[in-house]
Amino acid sequence: MSDNYKRELCGSENKLHAHERFSYAGNIQKLERFVCVCEDCDRVIHYGKAKIDGYEKEAKQQLKNVRGMSDEEIEEHTKNYFELWSKRSKKKWNVDFSIIKISSENPV
């Protein structure tokens, strides 16, 4: 979480959602970190789910508010993202969660 309990992407103080960030190299999908986002930014991150759940309008508005995107830019951005997601979804990944430390004092 960023300073003063604000969300990292938009600075909102609304309901917290944790979202994972991965890097991709070869056949390794590596968890790099978690980011704290508000509910509206979480809808943007999970745009396909937002669309299915009936929140596409809200997700688009958040992209406009936070990134200053036009409708045309949003369409291009989501098209490119879904193409990348589709490509990655077809691959068998070895997932690296080594960033998460497990200890007897703080079990996961």
C-alpha atoms as a PDB file:
ATOM      1  CA  MET A   1       0.000   0.000   0.000  1.00  0.00           C
ATOM      2  CA  SER A   2       1.235   3.497  -0.693  1.00  0.00           C
ATOM      3  CA  ASP A   3       1.618   6.297   1.837  1.00  0.00           C
ATOM      4  CA  ASN A   4      -1.335   7.357   3.967  1.00  0.00           C
ATOM      5  CA  TYR A   5      -3.326   4.182   3.221  1.00  0.00           C
ATOM      6  CA  LYS A   6      -4.011   5.235  -0.384  1.00  0.00           C
ATOM      7  CA  ARG A   7      -4.134   2.821  -3.302  1.00  0.00           C
ATOM      8  CA  GLU A   8      -1.107   2.673  -5.579  1.00  0.00           C
ATOM      9  CA  LEU A   9      -2.747   3.275  -8.956  1.00  0.00           C
ATOM     10  CA  CYS A  10      -5.267   6.022  -8.290  1.00  0.00           C
ATOM     11  CA  GLY A  11      -4.641   7.257  -4.745  1.00  0.00           C
ATOM     12  CA  SER A  12      -8.174   6.355  -3.651  1.00  0.00           C
ATOM     13  CA  GLU A  13      -8.942   5.588  -0.037  1.00  0.00           C
ATOM     14  CA  ASN A  14     -11.774   3.214  -0.987  1.00  0.00           C
ATOM     15  CA  LYS A  15     -11.973  -0.536  -0.285  1.00  0.00           C
ATOM     16  CA  LEU A  16      -8.635  -2.307  -0.626  1.00  0.00           C
ATOM     17  CA  HIS A  17      -7.955  -5.110  -3.111  1.00  0.00           C
ATOM     18  CA  ALA A  18      -4.578  -6.863  -3.368  1.00  0.00           C
ATOM     19  CA  HIS A  19      -3.438  -7.672  -6.883  1.00  0.00           C
ATOM     20  CA  GLU A  20      -0.438  -9.747  -7.864  1.00  0.00           C
ATOM     21  CA  ARG A  21       2.174  -8.667 -10.424  1.00  0.00           C
ATOM     22  CA  PHE A  22       4.042 -11.324 -12.389  1.00  0.00           C
ATOM     23  CA  SER A  23       6.950 -11.253 -14.811  1.00  0.00           C
ATOM     24  CA  TYR A  24       7.164 -13.727 -17.699  1.00  0.00           C
ATOM     25  CA  ALA A  25      10.395 -15.146 -19.136  1.00  0.00           C
ATOM     26  CA  GLY A  26      10.819 -18.394 -21.033  1.00  0.00           C
ATOM     27  CA  ASN A  27       8.398 -20.757 -19.320  1.00  0.00           C
ATOM     28  CA  ILE A  28       8.658 -19.076 -15.884  1.00  0.00           C
ATOM     29  CA  GLN A  29       5.823 -16.982 -14.475  1.00  0.00           C
ATOM     30  CA  LYS A  30       7.363 -15.240 -11.461  1.00  0.00           C
ATOM     31  CA  LEU A  31       5.431 -13.442  -8.738  1.00  0.00           C
ATOM     32  CA  GLU A  32       7.226 -10.116  -8.336  1.00  0.00           C
ATOM     33  CA  ARG A  33       5.037  -8.236  -5.868  1.00  0.00           C
ATOM     34  CA  PHE A  34       1.557  -7.295  -4.760  1.00  0.00           C
ATOM     35  CA  VAL A  35      -0.056  -3.922  -5.391  1.00  0.00           C
ATOM     36  CA  CYS A  36      -2.912  -2.363  -3.433  1.00  0.00           C
ATOM     37  CA  VAL A  37      -5.717  -1.125  -5.628  1.00  0.00           C
ATOM     38  CA  CYS A  38      -9.213   0.196  -5.105  1.00  0.00           C
ATOM     39  CA  GLU A  39     -12.298  -1.685  -6.287  1.00  0.00           C
ATOM     40  CA  ASP A  40     -12.568   0.444  -9.439  1.00  0.00           C
ATOM     41  CA  CYS A  41      -8.928  -0.164 -10.429  1.00  0.00           C
ATOM     42  CA  ASP A  42      -9.393  -3.882  -9.697  1.00  0.00           C
ATOM     43  CA  ARG A  43     -12.223  -3.873 -12.253  1.00  0.00           C
ATOM     44  CA  VAL A  44      -9.840  -2.347 -14.802  1.00  0.00           C
ATOM     45  CA  ILE A  45      -7.200  -4.978 -14.059  1.00  0.00           C
ATOM     46  CA  HIS A  46      -9.826  -7.722 -14.439  1.00  0.00           C
ATOM     47  CA  TYR A  47     -11.577  -6.032 -17.358  1.00  0.00           C
ATOM     48  CA  GLY A  48     -12.926  -9.257 -18.857  1.00  0.00           C
ATOM     49  CA  LYS A  49     -14.545 -10.219 -15.557  1.00  0.00           C
ATOM     50  CA  ALA A  50     -15.889  -6.682 -15.134  1.00  0.00           C
ATOM     51  CA  LYS A  51     -17.470  -6.982 -18.563  1.00  0.00           C
ATOM     52  CA  ILE A  52     -19.060 -10.335 -17.688  1.00  0.00           C
ATOM     53  CA  ASP A  53     -20.283  -8.982 -14.320  1.00  0.00           C
ATOM     54  CA  GLY A  54     -21.838  -5.898 -15.929  1.00  0.00           C
ATOM     55  CA  TYR A  55     -19.201  -3.360 -14.804  1.00  0.00           C
ATOM     56  CA  GLU A  56     -17.601  -2.529 -18.159  1.00  0.00           C
ATOM     57  CA  LYS A  57     -18.919   1.052 -18.048  1.00  0.00           C
ATOM     58  CA  GLU A  58     -17.335   1.592 -14.618  1.00  0.00           C
ATOM     59  CA  ALA A  59     -14.040   0.022 -15.728  1.00  0.00           C
ATOM     60  CA  LYS A  60     -13.922   2.267 -18.806  1.00  0.00           C
ATOM     61  CA  GLN A  61     -14.639   5.335 -16.699  1.00  0.00           C
ATOM     62  CA  GLN A  62     -11.817   4.427 -14.302  1.00  0.00           C
ATOM     63  CA  LEU A  63      -9.391   4.117 -17.231  1.00  0.00           C
ATOM     64  CA  LYS A  64     -10.491   7.558 -18.374  1.00  0.00           C
ATOM     65  CA  ASN A  65     -10.112   9.007 -14.870  1.00  0.00           C
ATOM     66  CA  VAL A  66      -6.745   7.463 -13.965  1.00  0.00           C
ATOM     67  CA  ARG A  67      -4.982   7.144 -17.332  1.00  0.00           C
ATOM     68  CA  GLY A  68      -6.776   9.852 -19.302  1.00  0.00           C
ATOM     69  CA  MET A  69      -7.643   7.409 -22.083  1.00  0.00           C
ATOM     70  CA  SER A  70     -10.156   8.114 -24.829  1.00  0.00           C
ATOM     71  CA  ASP A  71     -12.739   5.532 -25.902  1.00  0.00           C
ATOM     72  CA  GLU A  72     -10.549   4.683 -28.909  1.00  0.00           C
ATOM     73  CA  GLU A  73      -7.464   4.241 -26.729  1.00  0.00           C
ATOM     74  CA  ILE A  74      -9.416   2.029 -24.321  1.00  0.00           C
ATOM     75  CA  GLU A  75     -10.596  -0.148 -27.203  1.00  0.00           C
ATOM     76  CA  GLU A  76      -7.025  -0.549 -28.525  1.00  0.00           C
ATOM     77  CA  HIS A  77      -5.624  -1.135 -25.022  1.00  0.00           C
ATOM     78  CA  THR A  78      -8.155  -3.837 -24.135  1.00  0.00           C
ATOM     79  CA  LYS A  79      -7.783  -5.511 -27.549  1.00  0.00           C
ATOM     80  CA  ASN A  80      -3.992  -5.729 -27.096  1.00  0.00           C
ATOM     81  CA  TYR A  81      -4.344  -6.939 -23.517  1.00  0.00           C
ATOM     82  CA  PHE A  82      -6.779  -9.718 -24.442  1.00  0.00           C
ATOM     83  CA  GLU A  83      -4.477 -10.846 -27.266  1.00  0.00           C
ATOM     84  CA  LEU A  84      -1.566 -11.060 -24.805  1.00  0.00           C
ATOM     85  CA  TRP A  85      -3.748 -12.833 -22.221  1.00  0.00           C
ATOM     86  CA  SER A  86      -4.918 -15.337 -24.847  1.00  0.00           C
ATOM     87  CA  LYS A  87      -1.338 -16.062 -25.919  1.00  0.00           C
ATOM     88  CA  ARG A  88      -0.115 -16.493 -22.325  1.00  0.00           C
ATOM     89  CA  SER A  89      -3.120 -18.665 -21.400  1.00  0.00           C
ATOM     90  CA  LYS A  90      -2.130 -21.276 -23.983  1.00  0.00           C
ATOM     91  CA  LYS A  91       1.308 -21.792 -22.460  1.00  0.00           C
ATOM     92  CA  LYS A  92       2.216 -24.184 -19.631  1.00  0.00           C
ATOM     93  CA  TRP A  93       3.969 -22.071 -17.013  1.00  0.00           C
ATOM     94  CA  ASN A  94       6.221 -23.015 -14.125  1.00  0.00           C
ATOM     95  CA  VAL A  95       5.187 -20.575 -11.416  1.00  0.00           C
ATOM     96  CA  ASP A  96       7.806 -19.072  -9.110  1.00  0.00           C
ATOM     97  CA  PHE A  97       6.412 -17.908  -5.753  1.00  0.00           C
ATOM     98  CA  SER A  98       9.854 -17.608  -4.136  1.00  0.00           C
ATOM     99  CA  ILE A  99       9.207 -13.991  -3.154  1.00  0.00           C
ATOM    100  CA  ILE A 100       6.809 -15.284  -0.497  1.00  0.00           C
ATOM    101  CA  LYS A 101       8.738 -16.240   2.595  1.00  0.00           C
ATOM    102  CA  ILE A 102       7.293 -18.971   4.752  1.00  0.00           C
ATOM    103  CA  SER A 103       8.322 -19.197   8.377  1.00  0.00           C
ATOM    104  CA  SER A 104       6.940 -20.853  11.474  1.00  0.00           C
ATOM    105  CA  GLU A 105       6.255 -17.397  12.956  1.00  0.00           C
ATOM    106  CA  ASN A 106       4.183 -16.160  10.019  1.00  0.00           C
ATOM    107  CA  PRO A 107       2.608 -19.058   8.117  1.00  0.00           C
ATOM    108  CA  VAL A 108       0.967 -18.421   4.779  1.00  0.00           C
END
